[in-house]
């Protein structure tokens, strides 16, 4: 299993950062280069506990679908989403928010497992982990920009 952990500091209230992280609309704006669309489940607005969203996007030249479900939520400090159906063997994304008299710290803990045994692990080591890290950083930059009024 691969784990990517990123922390982004945002000069905005914790509640705003939490809501922007759950925004389907903002997520779509942050993923323009993958032609991402929300095609089923919650397709607009703020995703809530127990809801699912099915994303369709082009990654590595292949159109793919991934359905995730919000399994845990403690607003405005934490929520998690987990893949229900998709290309990964497993995918679990935890979103943490903390604010102690300063900028909000938004931390992603993104865990996934690739299918296809050794071939999948090799692909992950060579390409996928770097790709997913860039994808998350790009998404977080859009959240930060929007929250700080620069979006």
N, C-alpha and C. Protein backbone atom coordinates (compact mmCIF):
# COMPACT_ATOMS: atom_id res chain seq x y z
N UNK A 1 0.85 -1.18 0.00
CA UNK A 1 0.00 0.00 0.00
C UNK A 1 0.89 1.24 0.00
N UNK A 2 0.52 2.23 -0.79
CA UNK A 2 1.25 3.49 -0.89
C UNK A 2 0.52 4.56 -0.10
N UNK A 3 1.27 5.39 0.62
CA UNK A 3 0.69 6.50 1.38
C UNK A 3 1.34 7.80 0.93
N UNK A 4 0.50 8.78 0.64
CA UNK A 4 0.95 10.14 0.33
C UNK A 4 0.37 11.04 1.43
N UNK A 5 1.24 11.80 2.07
CA UNK A 5 0.78 12.72 3.12
C UNK A 5 1.23 14.13 2.74
N UNK A 6 0.26 15.05 2.67
CA UNK A 6 0.53 16.43 2.31
C UNK A 6 -0.16 17.36 3.29
N UNK A 7 0.52 18.43 3.69
CA UNK A 7 -0.11 19.45 4.51
C UNK A 7 0.00 20.78 3.78
N UNK A 8 -1.14 21.47 3.68
CA UNK A 8 -1.23 22.77 3.04
C UNK A 8 -1.74 23.76 4.07
N UNK A 9 -1.04 24.89 4.20
CA UNK A 9 -1.46 25.93 5.15
C UNK A 9 -2.25 26.99 4.40
N UNK A 10 -3.44 27.29 4.93
CA UNK A 10 -4.38 28.18 4.25
C UNK A 10 -4.79 29.31 5.21
N UNK A 11 -4.66 30.55 4.75
CA UNK A 11 -5.07 31.71 5.55
C UNK A 11 -6.57 31.93 5.38
N UNK A 12 -7.34 31.06 6.01
CA UNK A 12 -8.80 31.12 5.96
C UNK A 12 -9.36 30.31 7.13
N UNK A 13 -10.61 30.58 7.51
CA UNK A 13 -11.23 29.84 8.61
C UNK A 13 -11.32 28.34 8.32
N UNK A 14 -11.22 27.55 9.34
CA UNK A 14 -11.26 26.10 9.23
C UNK A 14 -12.55 25.62 8.54
N UNK A 15 -13.68 26.24 8.88
CA UNK A 15 -14.96 25.83 8.30
C UNK A 15 -14.98 26.03 6.79
N UNK A 16 -14.39 27.12 6.34
CA UNK A 16 -14.34 27.39 4.90
C UNK A 16 -13.46 26.37 4.18
N UNK A 17 -12.32 26.05 4.77
CA UNK A 17 -11.41 25.06 4.17
C UNK A 17 -12.08 23.68 4.11
N UNK A 18 -12.77 23.33 5.18
CA UNK A 18 -13.49 22.05 5.25
C UNK A 18 -14.54 21.98 4.13
N UNK A 19 -15.34 23.02 4.00
CA UNK A 19 -16.40 23.01 2.98
C UNK A 19 -15.83 23.02 1.56
N UNK A 20 -14.79 23.80 1.32
CA UNK A 20 -14.20 23.81 -0.03
C UNK A 20 -13.63 22.45 -0.39
N UNK A 21 -13.13 21.72 0.59
CA UNK A 21 -12.58 20.38 0.34
C UNK A 21 -13.67 19.37 -0.02
N UNK A 22 -14.91 19.65 0.40
CA UNK A 22 -16.03 18.76 0.10
C UNK A 22 -16.81 19.21 -1.14
N UNK A 23 -16.40 20.31 -1.74
CA UNK A 23 -17.15 20.88 -2.86
C UNK A 23 -16.89 20.11 -4.16
N UNK A 24 -17.94 19.53 -4.69
CA UNK A 24 -17.85 18.84 -5.99
C UNK A 24 -17.47 19.84 -7.07
N UNK A 25 -18.09 21.02 -7.04
CA UNK A 25 -17.87 22.04 -8.06
C UNK A 25 -16.41 22.50 -8.07
N UNK A 26 -15.83 22.74 -6.89
CA UNK A 26 -14.44 23.18 -6.82
C UNK A 26 -13.50 22.05 -7.26
N UNK A 27 -13.84 20.83 -6.89
CA UNK A 27 -13.02 19.69 -7.33
C UNK A 27 -12.96 19.63 -8.86
N UNK A 28 -14.09 19.85 -9.50
CA UNK A 28 -14.12 19.83 -10.96
C UNK A 28 -13.25 20.94 -11.55
N UNK A 29 -13.27 22.11 -10.92
CA UNK A 29 -12.42 23.21 -11.39
C UNK A 29 -10.94 22.89 -11.24
N UNK A 30 -10.60 22.09 -10.24
CA UNK A 30 -9.19 21.78 -9.99
C UNK A 30 -8.65 20.67 -10.88
N UNK A 31 -9.53 20.03 -11.64
CA UNK A 31 -9.10 18.86 -12.43
C UNK A 31 -9.39 19.02 -13.92
N UNK A 32 -9.34 20.25 -14.41
CA UNK A 32 -9.65 20.52 -15.81
C UNK A 32 -8.81 19.74 -16.81
N UNK A 33 -7.55 19.47 -16.46
CA UNK A 33 -6.68 18.77 -17.41
C UNK A 33 -7.01 17.28 -17.56
N UNK A 34 -7.87 16.74 -16.71
CA UNK A 34 -8.25 15.32 -16.82
C UNK A 34 -9.67 15.14 -17.34
N UNK A 35 -10.30 16.25 -17.75
CA UNK A 35 -11.67 16.22 -18.26
C UNK A 35 -12.63 15.56 -17.26
N UNK A 36 -12.38 15.78 -15.99
CA UNK A 36 -13.16 15.13 -14.94
C UNK A 36 -14.59 15.65 -14.90
N UNK A 37 -15.53 14.72 -14.66
CA UNK A 37 -16.95 15.03 -14.51
C UNK A 37 -17.49 14.21 -13.36
N UNK A 38 -18.47 14.78 -12.66
CA UNK A 38 -19.23 14.03 -11.65
C UNK A 38 -20.47 13.52 -12.37
N UNK A 39 -20.60 12.19 -12.50
CA UNK A 39 -21.67 11.65 -13.35
C UNK A 39 -22.76 10.89 -12.60
N UNK A 40 -22.56 10.62 -11.32
CA UNK A 40 -23.59 9.90 -10.56
C UNK A 40 -23.42 10.20 -9.07
N UNK A 41 -24.48 9.93 -8.31
CA UNK A 41 -24.46 10.25 -6.89
C UNK A 41 -24.56 11.76 -6.73
N UNK A 42 -23.83 12.32 -5.78
CA UNK A 42 -23.80 13.77 -5.58
C UNK A 42 -22.94 14.35 -6.71
N UNK A 43 -23.51 15.20 -7.53
CA UNK A 43 -22.78 15.74 -8.68
C UNK A 43 -22.55 17.24 -8.60
N UNK A 44 -23.03 17.88 -7.55
CA UNK A 44 -22.81 19.31 -7.35
C UNK A 44 -22.96 19.62 -5.86
N UNK A 45 -22.43 20.76 -5.45
CA UNK A 45 -22.57 21.16 -4.05
C UNK A 45 -21.59 20.45 -3.13
N UNK A 46 -21.93 20.40 -1.85
CA UNK A 46 -21.06 19.82 -0.83
C UNK A 46 -21.46 18.38 -0.54
N UNK A 47 -20.53 17.47 -0.69
CA UNK A 47 -20.81 16.06 -0.40
C UNK A 47 -20.91 15.87 1.11
N UNK A 48 -21.84 15.03 1.54
CA UNK A 48 -22.12 14.82 2.95
C UNK A 48 -21.84 13.38 3.36
N UNK A 49 -21.87 13.13 4.65
CA UNK A 49 -21.65 11.80 5.21
C UNK A 49 -22.62 10.79 4.58
N UNK A 50 -22.09 9.66 4.13
CA UNK A 50 -22.90 8.59 3.56
C UNK A 50 -23.17 8.74 2.08
N UNK A 51 -22.87 9.90 1.51
CA UNK A 51 -23.12 10.10 0.08
C UNK A 51 -21.97 9.56 -0.77
N UNK A 52 -22.31 9.26 -2.02
CA UNK A 52 -21.32 8.80 -2.99
C UNK A 52 -21.25 9.79 -4.15
N UNK A 53 -20.15 9.72 -4.86
CA UNK A 53 -19.98 10.45 -6.11
C UNK A 53 -19.21 9.53 -7.06
N UNK A 54 -19.65 9.50 -8.31
CA UNK A 54 -18.91 8.77 -9.34
C UNK A 54 -18.25 9.79 -10.25
N UNK A 55 -16.93 9.69 -10.33
CA UNK A 55 -16.13 10.58 -11.17
C UNK A 55 -15.78 9.86 -12.46
N UNK A 56 -15.79 10.58 -13.54
CA UNK A 56 -15.28 10.06 -14.81
C UNK A 56 -14.19 11.02 -15.27
N UNK A 57 -13.03 10.48 -15.61
CA UNK A 57 -11.89 11.32 -16.00
C UNK A 57 -10.97 10.54 -16.92
N UNK A 58 -10.08 11.28 -17.55
CA UNK A 58 -9.07 10.65 -18.40
C UNK A 58 -7.73 10.74 -17.69
N UNK A 59 -7.17 9.58 -17.36
CA UNK A 59 -5.85 9.48 -16.75
C UNK A 59 -5.02 8.54 -17.61
N UNK A 60 -3.81 8.98 -17.95
CA UNK A 60 -2.90 8.18 -18.77
C UNK A 60 -3.54 7.80 -20.11
N UNK A 61 -4.37 8.72 -20.64
CA UNK A 61 -5.00 8.51 -21.93
C UNK A 61 -6.18 7.54 -21.91
N UNK A 62 -6.59 7.10 -20.74
CA UNK A 62 -7.67 6.12 -20.61
C UNK A 62 -8.82 6.74 -19.82
N UNK A 63 -10.04 6.67 -20.38
CA UNK A 63 -11.22 7.15 -19.66
C UNK A 63 -11.54 6.15 -18.55
N UNK A 64 -11.65 6.67 -17.33
CA UNK A 64 -11.87 5.81 -16.16
C UNK A 64 -12.99 6.36 -15.31
N UNK A 65 -13.57 5.48 -14.52
CA UNK A 65 -14.60 5.86 -13.54
C UNK A 65 -14.18 5.38 -12.17
N UNK A 66 -14.50 6.22 -11.16
CA UNK A 66 -14.21 5.87 -9.79
C UNK A 66 -15.37 6.37 -8.93
N UNK A 67 -15.92 5.48 -8.12
CA UNK A 67 -16.99 5.85 -7.21
C UNK A 67 -16.43 5.83 -5.79
N UNK A 68 -16.63 6.94 -5.06
CA UNK A 68 -16.19 6.99 -3.67
C UNK A 68 -17.34 7.38 -2.77
N UNK A 69 -17.21 7.00 -1.51
CA UNK A 69 -18.25 7.25 -0.51
C UNK A 69 -17.63 7.95 0.69
N UNK A 70 -18.36 8.94 1.21
CA UNK A 70 -17.92 9.61 2.44
C UNK A 70 -18.32 8.71 3.61
N UNK A 71 -17.32 8.11 4.24
CA UNK A 71 -17.58 7.12 5.29
C UNK A 71 -17.50 7.66 6.70
N UNK A 72 -16.77 8.76 6.88
CA UNK A 72 -16.61 9.34 8.21
C UNK A 72 -16.62 10.87 8.07
N UNK A 73 -17.16 11.54 9.09
CA UNK A 73 -17.14 13.00 9.07
C UNK A 73 -17.28 13.53 10.49
N UNK A 74 -16.41 14.48 10.82
CA UNK A 74 -16.47 15.21 12.09
C UNK A 74 -16.20 16.68 11.75
N UNK A 75 -17.25 17.36 11.29
CA UNK A 75 -17.10 18.74 10.82
C UNK A 75 -16.70 19.66 11.95
N UNK A 76 -15.81 20.59 11.71
CA UNK A 76 -15.04 20.86 10.50
C UNK A 76 -13.61 20.33 10.57
N UNK A 77 -13.41 19.22 11.27
CA UNK A 77 -12.05 18.74 11.54
C UNK A 77 -11.59 17.56 10.69
N UNK A 78 -12.54 16.78 10.17
CA UNK A 78 -12.12 15.55 9.51
C UNK A 78 -13.24 14.99 8.65
N UNK A 79 -12.87 14.41 7.52
CA UNK A 79 -13.76 13.52 6.78
C UNK A 79 -12.90 12.56 5.97
N UNK A 80 -13.49 11.44 5.61
CA UNK A 80 -12.76 10.47 4.79
C UNK A 80 -13.65 9.99 3.66
N UNK A 81 -12.99 9.67 2.57
CA UNK A 81 -13.71 9.03 1.47
C UNK A 81 -12.95 7.78 1.07
N UNK A 82 -13.71 6.79 0.61
CA UNK A 82 -13.14 5.51 0.25
C UNK A 82 -13.72 5.04 -1.08
N UNK A 83 -12.85 4.50 -1.91
CA UNK A 83 -13.30 4.00 -3.20
C UNK A 83 -14.25 2.82 -2.99
N UNK A 84 -15.38 2.87 -3.67
CA UNK A 84 -16.35 1.78 -3.68
C UNK A 84 -16.15 0.95 -4.93
N UNK A 85 -15.80 1.65 -6.03
CA UNK A 85 -15.60 0.97 -7.31
C UNK A 85 -14.62 1.81 -8.12
N UNK A 86 -13.66 1.15 -8.76
CA UNK A 86 -12.70 1.88 -9.58
C UNK A 86 -11.48 1.07 -9.92
N UNK A 87 -10.49 1.73 -10.48
CA UNK A 87 -9.31 1.06 -11.02
C UNK A 87 -8.32 0.60 -9.96
N UNK A 88 -8.35 1.21 -8.78
CA UNK A 88 -7.42 0.82 -7.73
C UNK A 88 -7.89 -0.48 -7.06
N UNK A 89 -6.95 -1.18 -6.46
CA UNK A 89 -7.33 -2.33 -5.63
C UNK A 89 -8.03 -1.81 -4.37
N UNK A 90 -7.51 -0.70 -3.84
CA UNK A 90 -8.16 0.01 -2.73
C UNK A 90 -7.68 1.45 -2.75
N UNK A 91 -8.52 2.34 -2.17
CA UNK A 91 -8.18 3.76 -2.08
C UNK A 91 -8.93 4.33 -0.88
N UNK A 92 -8.20 5.00 0.00
CA UNK A 92 -8.76 5.59 1.21
C UNK A 92 -8.11 6.95 1.40
N UNK A 93 -8.91 8.01 1.47
CA UNK A 93 -8.41 9.38 1.55
C UNK A 93 -8.96 10.04 2.81
N UNK A 94 -8.07 10.41 3.72
CA UNK A 94 -8.44 11.10 4.95
C UNK A 94 -8.09 12.58 4.81
N UNK A 95 -9.00 13.44 5.24
CA UNK A 95 -8.83 14.89 5.16
C UNK A 95 -8.91 15.44 6.58
N UNK A 96 -7.81 16.03 7.05
CA UNK A 96 -7.75 16.59 8.41
C UNK A 96 -7.61 18.10 8.33
N UNK A 97 -8.26 18.81 9.27
CA UNK A 97 -8.22 20.27 9.33
C UNK A 97 -7.95 20.68 10.77
N UNK A 98 -7.00 21.61 10.93
CA UNK A 98 -6.65 22.07 12.27
C UNK A 98 -6.32 23.56 12.20
N UNK A 99 -6.81 24.31 13.18
CA UNK A 99 -6.51 25.73 13.24
C UNK A 99 -6.29 26.12 14.70
N UNK A 100 -5.06 26.58 14.98
CA UNK A 100 -4.72 27.03 16.33
C UNK A 100 -4.13 28.43 16.23
N UNK A 101 -5.01 29.43 16.18
CA UNK A 101 -4.59 30.84 16.16
C UNK A 101 -3.63 31.15 15.01
N UNK A 102 -3.94 30.72 13.84
CA UNK A 102 -3.11 31.00 12.67
C UNK A 102 -3.76 30.42 11.44
N UNK A 103 -2.96 30.10 10.44
CA UNK A 103 -3.55 29.51 9.24
C UNK A 103 -4.13 28.11 9.53
N UNK A 104 -5.08 27.71 8.73
CA UNK A 104 -5.64 26.37 8.84
C UNK A 104 -4.68 25.39 8.18
N UNK A 105 -4.36 24.33 8.90
CA UNK A 105 -3.54 23.26 8.35
C UNK A 105 -4.49 22.21 7.77
N UNK A 106 -4.41 22.01 6.47
CA UNK A 106 -5.23 21.00 5.79
C UNK A 106 -4.28 19.86 5.42
N UNK A 107 -4.53 18.69 6.00
CA UNK A 107 -3.65 17.54 5.76
C UNK A 107 -4.41 16.42 5.07
N UNK A 108 -3.84 15.95 3.98
CA UNK A 108 -4.35 14.80 3.25
C UNK A 108 -3.50 13.59 3.59
N UNK A 109 -4.15 12.49 3.92
CA UNK A 109 -3.47 11.20 4.02
C UNK A 109 -4.18 10.31 3.00
N UNK A 110 -3.49 10.04 1.92
CA UNK A 110 -4.05 9.36 0.75
C UNK A 110 -3.37 8.01 0.61
N UNK A 111 -4.13 6.94 0.83
CA UNK A 111 -3.59 5.58 0.76
C UNK A 111 -4.26 4.82 -0.37
N UNK A 112 -3.45 4.12 -1.13
CA UNK A 112 -4.02 3.32 -2.21
C UNK A 112 -3.16 2.10 -2.46
N UNK A 113 -3.80 1.14 -3.10
CA UNK A 113 -3.12 -0.09 -3.50
C UNK A 113 -3.45 -0.34 -4.96
N UNK A 114 -2.43 -0.62 -5.72
CA UNK A 114 -2.62 -0.86 -7.15
C UNK A 114 -2.96 -2.33 -7.40
N UNK A 115 -3.73 -2.58 -8.46
CA UNK A 115 -3.99 -3.96 -8.86
C UNK A 115 -2.79 -4.49 -9.67
N UNK A 116 -2.88 -5.67 -10.16
CA UNK A 116 -1.91 -6.29 -11.08
C UNK A 116 -0.58 -6.66 -10.44
N UNK A 117 -0.59 -6.96 -9.15
CA UNK A 117 0.59 -7.51 -8.48
C UNK A 117 1.86 -6.70 -8.68
N UNK A 118 2.92 -7.40 -9.08
CA UNK A 118 4.23 -6.80 -9.24
C UNK A 118 4.23 -5.71 -10.31
N UNK A 119 3.50 -5.93 -11.39
CA UNK A 119 3.40 -4.93 -12.45
C UNK A 119 2.79 -3.63 -11.92
N UNK A 120 1.73 -3.75 -11.12
CA UNK A 120 1.09 -2.58 -10.52
C UNK A 120 2.03 -1.86 -9.57
N UNK A 121 2.79 -2.61 -8.78
CA UNK A 121 3.74 -2.00 -7.84
C UNK A 121 4.85 -1.27 -8.59
N UNK A 122 5.30 -1.84 -9.67
CA UNK A 122 6.34 -1.22 -10.49
C UNK A 122 5.82 0.08 -11.11
N UNK A 123 4.61 0.04 -11.66
CA UNK A 123 3.98 1.22 -12.24
C UNK A 123 3.83 2.32 -11.18
N UNK A 124 3.46 1.92 -9.97
CA UNK A 124 3.31 2.87 -8.87
C UNK A 124 4.64 3.54 -8.56
N UNK A 125 5.69 2.74 -8.45
CA UNK A 125 7.02 3.28 -8.11
C UNK A 125 7.55 4.22 -9.19
N UNK A 126 7.32 3.88 -10.44
CA UNK A 126 7.90 4.65 -11.55
C UNK A 126 7.06 5.88 -11.89
N UNK A 127 5.72 5.74 -11.87
CA UNK A 127 4.86 6.80 -12.41
C UNK A 127 3.75 7.25 -11.46
N UNK A 128 2.98 6.32 -10.93
CA UNK A 128 1.71 6.65 -10.30
C UNK A 128 1.85 7.50 -9.04
N UNK A 129 2.78 7.19 -8.14
CA UNK A 129 2.88 7.96 -6.90
C UNK A 129 3.20 9.42 -7.21
N UNK A 130 4.10 9.67 -8.13
CA UNK A 130 4.44 11.05 -8.52
C UNK A 130 3.21 11.73 -9.13
N UNK A 131 2.49 11.01 -9.99
CA UNK A 131 1.29 11.55 -10.64
C UNK A 131 0.23 11.91 -9.61
N UNK A 132 -0.04 11.01 -8.68
CA UNK A 132 -1.07 11.24 -7.67
C UNK A 132 -0.67 12.38 -6.71
N UNK A 133 0.60 12.47 -6.38
CA UNK A 133 1.08 13.57 -5.53
C UNK A 133 0.85 14.90 -6.23
N UNK A 134 1.18 14.98 -7.49
CA UNK A 134 0.96 16.21 -8.28
C UNK A 134 -0.54 16.54 -8.35
N UNK A 135 -1.37 15.52 -8.57
CA UNK A 135 -2.82 15.68 -8.65
C UNK A 135 -3.37 16.29 -7.36
N UNK A 136 -2.93 15.77 -6.21
CA UNK A 136 -3.38 16.27 -4.91
C UNK A 136 -2.86 17.68 -4.64
N UNK A 137 -1.61 17.95 -4.98
CA UNK A 137 -1.04 19.29 -4.78
C UNK A 137 -1.79 20.32 -5.63
N UNK A 138 -2.13 19.94 -6.85
CA UNK A 138 -2.87 20.84 -7.73
C UNK A 138 -4.25 21.14 -7.15
N UNK A 139 -4.92 20.11 -6.66
CA UNK A 139 -6.24 20.28 -6.03
C UNK A 139 -6.14 21.19 -4.81
N UNK A 140 -5.13 20.97 -3.97
CA UNK A 140 -4.95 21.76 -2.76
C UNK A 140 -4.62 23.22 -3.08
N UNK A 141 -3.89 23.46 -4.15
CA UNK A 141 -3.57 24.83 -4.57
C UNK A 141 -4.84 25.58 -4.96
N UNK A 142 -5.79 24.89 -5.60
CA UNK A 142 -7.05 25.51 -5.98
C UNK A 142 -7.89 25.80 -4.73
N UNK A 143 -7.93 24.88 -3.80
CA UNK A 143 -8.65 25.11 -2.53
C UNK A 143 -8.05 26.30 -1.80
N UNK A 144 -6.73 26.35 -1.69
CA UNK A 144 -6.04 27.46 -1.02
C UNK A 144 -6.34 28.79 -1.70
N UNK A 145 -6.24 28.82 -3.01
CA UNK A 145 -6.49 30.04 -3.77
C UNK A 145 -7.92 30.54 -3.57
N UNK A 146 -8.87 29.64 -3.64
CA UNK A 146 -10.28 30.00 -3.45
C UNK A 146 -10.53 30.50 -2.03
N UNK A 147 -9.98 29.79 -1.04
CA UNK A 147 -10.21 30.15 0.36
C UNK A 147 -9.59 31.50 0.71
N UNK A 148 -8.46 31.80 0.11
CA UNK A 148 -7.75 33.05 0.39
C UNK A 148 -8.21 34.20 -0.50
N UNK A 149 -9.24 33.92 -1.31
CA UNK A 149 -9.82 34.97 -2.16
C UNK A 149 -9.01 35.30 -3.38
N UNK A 150 -8.20 34.35 -3.82
CA UNK A 150 -7.35 34.57 -5.01
C UNK A 150 -7.85 33.76 -6.19
N UNK A 151 -8.97 33.03 -5.98
CA UNK A 151 -9.49 32.12 -7.00
C UNK A 151 -10.31 32.81 -7.96
